Protein backbone atom coordinates (compact mmCIF):
# COMPACT_ATOMS: atom_id res chain seq x y z
CA MET A 1 0.00 0.00 0.00
CA THR A 2 1.37 3.38 -0.99
CA THR A 3 1.57 6.37 1.36
CA GLU A 4 -1.24 8.06 -0.57
CA GLN A 5 -3.45 4.99 -0.24
CA GLN A 6 -2.75 4.86 3.49
CA ALA A 7 -3.68 8.53 3.84
CA ASN A 8 -6.99 7.96 2.00
CA ARG A 9 -7.79 4.80 3.93
CA PRO A 10 -10.88 5.32 6.14
CA VAL A 11 -10.31 5.44 9.89
CA PRO A 12 -11.65 2.21 11.46
CA THR A 13 -14.80 2.73 13.50
CA LEU A 14 -16.52 0.95 16.36
CA GLU A 15 -19.10 -0.29 13.84
CA ALA A 16 -16.37 -1.78 11.63
CA VAL A 17 -14.90 -3.67 14.60
CA ALA A 18 -18.37 -4.94 15.53
CA ALA A 19 -19.02 -6.15 11.96
CA LEU A 20 -15.66 -7.95 11.75
CA ALA A 21 -16.09 -9.57 15.18
CA GLY A 22 -19.73 -10.48 14.51
CA VAL A 23 -21.01 -8.72 17.64
CA SER A 24 -23.01 -5.60 18.43
CA ARG A 25 -21.57 -2.11 18.71
CA ALA A 26 -22.50 -2.12 22.40
CA THR A 27 -20.46 -5.28 22.96
CA VAL A 28 -17.37 -3.72 21.36
CA SER A 29 -17.88 -0.67 23.56
CA ARG A 30 -18.01 -2.89 26.65
CA VAL A 31 -14.80 -4.64 25.66
CA VAL A 32 -13.03 -1.35 24.95
CA ASN A 33 -14.12 0.03 28.33
CA GLY A 34 -13.09 -3.11 30.22
CA SER A 35 -16.58 -4.16 31.31
CA PRO A 36 -16.70 -7.44 33.29
CA LYS A 37 -20.03 -8.29 31.63
CA VAL A 38 -18.36 -9.80 28.53
CA THR A 39 -17.21 -13.41 28.26
CA PRO A 40 -13.49 -14.10 27.72
CA GLU A 41 -14.26 -15.63 24.32
CA VAL A 42 -16.00 -12.48 23.12
CA VAL A 43 -13.21 -10.31 24.50
CA GLU A 44 -10.69 -12.37 22.54
CA THR A 45 -12.72 -12.10 19.32
CA VAL A 46 -13.22 -8.35 19.65
CA THR A 47 -9.58 -7.77 20.61
CA ALA A 48 -8.47 -9.66 17.49
CA ALA A 49 -10.76 -7.50 15.32
CA ILE A 50 -9.41 -4.34 16.96
CA ALA A 51 -5.84 -5.44 16.23
CA GLN A 52 -6.65 -6.42 12.63
CA LEU A 53 -8.27 -3.05 11.89
CA ASN A 54 -5.80 -1.01 13.98
CA TYR A 55 -8.79 0.54 15.70
CA VAL A 56 -8.07 3.27 18.26
CA PRO A 57 -10.93 4.33 20.57
CA ASN A 58 -12.09 7.90 20.08
CA ARG A 59 -10.88 9.76 23.16
CA ALA A 60 -13.53 12.47 22.84
CA ALA A 61 -16.35 9.94 22.67
CA ARG A 62 -14.98 8.01 25.65
CA SER A 63 -14.65 11.24 27.62
CA LEU A 64 -18.33 11.99 27.02
CA ALA A 65 -19.35 8.52 28.14
CA THR A 66 -17.07 8.19 31.17
CA ARG A 67 -16.72 11.88 32.08
CA ARG A 68 -12.99 11.24 32.23
CA THR A 69 -10.39 12.75 29.90
CA GLN A 70 -7.45 10.60 31.07
CA VAL A 71 -5.34 13.75 30.98
CA ILE A 72 -3.30 15.16 33.88
CA ALA A 73 -2.21 18.79 33.66
CA LEU A 74 1.18 19.93 34.93
CA VAL A 75 0.72 23.63 35.63
CA VAL A 76 3.82 25.83 35.91
CA PRO A 77 3.05 29.47 36.77
CA GLU A 78 6.40 30.75 35.49
CA SER A 79 7.73 32.50 32.42
CA THR A 80 8.60 30.33 29.44
CA SER A 81 12.23 31.44 29.58
CA ARG A 82 12.58 30.27 33.18
CA VAL A 83 10.85 26.94 32.57
CA PHE A 84 13.23 25.99 29.77
CA ALA A 85 16.35 27.37 31.46
CA ASP A 86 15.91 25.78 34.89
CA PRO A 87 16.74 22.01 35.02
CA PHE A 88 14.38 21.66 38.00
CA PHE A 89 11.38 21.73 35.67
CA ALA A 90 12.88 19.13 33.35
CA SER A 91 13.24 16.70 36.25
CA ILE A 92 9.64 17.36 37.31
CA VAL A 93 8.34 16.67 33.80
CA GLN A 94 10.46 13.52 33.56
CA GLY A 95 9.18 12.21 36.88
CA VAL A 96 5.52 12.75 35.99
CA ALA A 97 5.97 11.35 32.47
CA LEU A 98 7.73 8.22 33.73
CA TYR A 99 4.95 7.50 36.19
CA LEU A 100 2.20 8.05 33.62
CA ALA A 101 3.99 5.94 30.99
CA ASP A 102 2.46 2.71 32.34
CA THR A 103 -1.04 4.18 32.60
CA ASP A 104 -3.68 5.34 30.12
CA TYR A 105 -3.16 8.94 31.22
CA THR A 106 -1.55 11.62 29.09
CA LEU A 107 0.52 14.52 30.43
CA ASN A 108 -0.53 18.01 29.39
CA MET A 109 1.97 20.72 30.40
CA LEU A 110 0.61 24.23 30.85
CA ILE A 111 2.97 27.15 31.24
CA ALA A 112 0.54 29.51 32.90
CA SER A 113 0.22 32.84 31.17
CA GLU A 114 1.74 35.72 33.11
CA THR A 115 -0.41 38.30 31.37
CA HIS A 116 -3.66 36.30 31.23
CA PRO A 117 -3.68 33.84 34.18
CA ASP A 118 -7.45 33.40 33.91
CA LYS A 119 -6.92 31.63 30.59
CA THR A 120 -5.20 28.71 32.35
CA ARG A 121 -7.81 28.53 35.09
CA ARG A 122 -10.65 28.49 32.56
CA TYR A 123 -8.93 25.67 30.67
CA LEU A 124 -8.56 23.60 33.84
CA MET A 125 -12.19 24.07 34.82
CA SER A 126 -13.64 23.33 31.36
CA GLY A 127 -13.48 19.56 31.62
CA ASN A 128 -10.23 19.22 29.68
CA VAL A 129 -8.30 17.41 32.43
CA ASP A 130 -9.00 14.96 35.27
CA GLY A 131 -6.60 16.62 37.69
CA ALA A 132 -3.70 19.04 37.98
CA LEU A 133 -0.23 19.22 39.49
CA VAL A 134 0.79 22.80 40.25
CA VAL A 135 4.53 23.37 40.73
CA SER A 136 6.51 26.50 41.48
CA HIS A 137 3.48 28.48 42.57
CA HIS A 138 4.37 31.72 44.33
CA SER A 139 3.56 32.42 47.97
CA GLY A 140 1.36 35.39 47.10
CA ASP A 141 -0.51 33.58 44.32
CA HIS A 142 -3.82 32.17 45.56
CA SER A 143 -5.32 31.83 42.10
CA TYR A 144 -5.27 28.01 42.03
CA ALA A 145 -6.29 27.36 45.64
CA HIS A 146 -10.05 27.65 45.05
CA LEU A 147 -9.95 25.23 42.08
CA GLY A 148 -9.55 22.32 44.51
CA HIS A 149 -13.29 22.44 45.23
CA SER A 150 -14.06 21.28 41.69
CA LEU A 151 -10.86 19.66 40.40
CA PRO A 152 -8.35 17.34 42.12
CA ILE A 153 -5.18 19.42 42.57
CA VAL A 154 -1.82 18.59 44.14
CA PHE A 155 0.67 21.35 44.84
CA GLY A 156 4.41 20.79 44.58
CA GLY A 157 5.51 22.59 47.74
CA ARG A 158 3.79 23.91 50.82
CA PRO A 159 0.07 24.63 50.35
CA LEU A 160 -1.08 28.19 50.15
CA ASN A 161 -3.22 27.60 53.21
CA LYS A 162 -2.23 24.64 55.39
CA SER A 163 -5.37 24.80 57.47
CA LYS A 164 -7.65 24.64 54.45
CA PRO A 165 -9.30 21.19 54.15
CA GLY A 166 -8.63 19.31 50.94
CA SER A 167 -5.22 20.90 50.32
CA TYR A 168 -2.94 18.18 48.99
CA PHE A 169 0.75 18.77 48.52
CA VAL A 170 4.14 17.11 48.18
CA ASP A 171 7.02 18.89 49.89
CA VAL A 172 10.51 18.38 51.25
CA ASP A 173 10.87 18.44 55.05
CA ASN A 174 13.90 20.71 55.15
CA VAL A 175 14.13 20.72 58.95
CA ALA A 176 14.17 16.91 59.23
CA ALA A 177 16.61 16.67 56.30
CA VAL A 178 19.09 19.08 57.89
CA GLU A 179 18.76 17.36 61.25
CA SER A 180 19.47 13.98 59.65
CA ALA A 181 22.48 15.34 57.75
CA THR A 182 23.88 16.99 60.90
CA LEU A 183 23.48 13.82 62.97
CA HIS A 184 25.26 11.86 60.25
CA LEU A 185 28.24 14.24 60.38
CA ILE A 186 28.33 14.13 64.18
CA HIS A 187 28.31 10.33 64.12
CA GLN A 188 31.24 10.51 61.71
CA GLY A 189 33.16 12.38 64.42
CA ARG A 190 32.85 15.86 62.88
CA HIS A 191 32.84 18.75 65.36
CA SER A 192 32.95 21.86 63.18
CA ILE A 193 30.00 21.83 60.77
CA ALA A 194 29.42 24.57 58.20
CA THR A 195 26.35 25.42 56.16
CA ILE A 196 26.64 26.44 52.53
CA ALA A 197 23.52 28.05 51.14
CA GLY A 198 22.55 30.11 48.14
CA PRO A 199 20.78 33.47 48.17
CA GLN A 200 17.49 33.55 50.08
């Protein structure tokens, strides 16, 4: 088959899979969505038809049916220049991407607009994602805190309001880390311990 023929080839549909497998459209839908109400024999037949046709489920249609997008947003409220210059953000993206690699979820990175921050918030609240990770938010920025009432959000760093219920965050315990490092040096017989730190 030539490249032109491949380009003009119709995209396989749920109906085409059903016809090839000799089952109803509803049965194919159940198999695609992992329903336990289908016998193993039917699952095998439908799976073979899906493979033969190279059928890929329509994400938009599945989102309407399940009310899930299978998309996680990584929100970075920083300038584009800083995001691509600071290796911290690359390691964050790598960590999230590696974890999601073995799932059906897709990573959607949003560099929050500095001039139009409402644009990012509207996108998050419009049903485009199932949840959000917000990293490098600034201490004076409370713009994402209220979104937690409607969208699962995890902050990378201390929450904007620790006492607020439903605030989920991942952070480094700097006090415990320094204590552990100091005790290690003391146990090594060190008596004069210095601290090297960057600008505050």
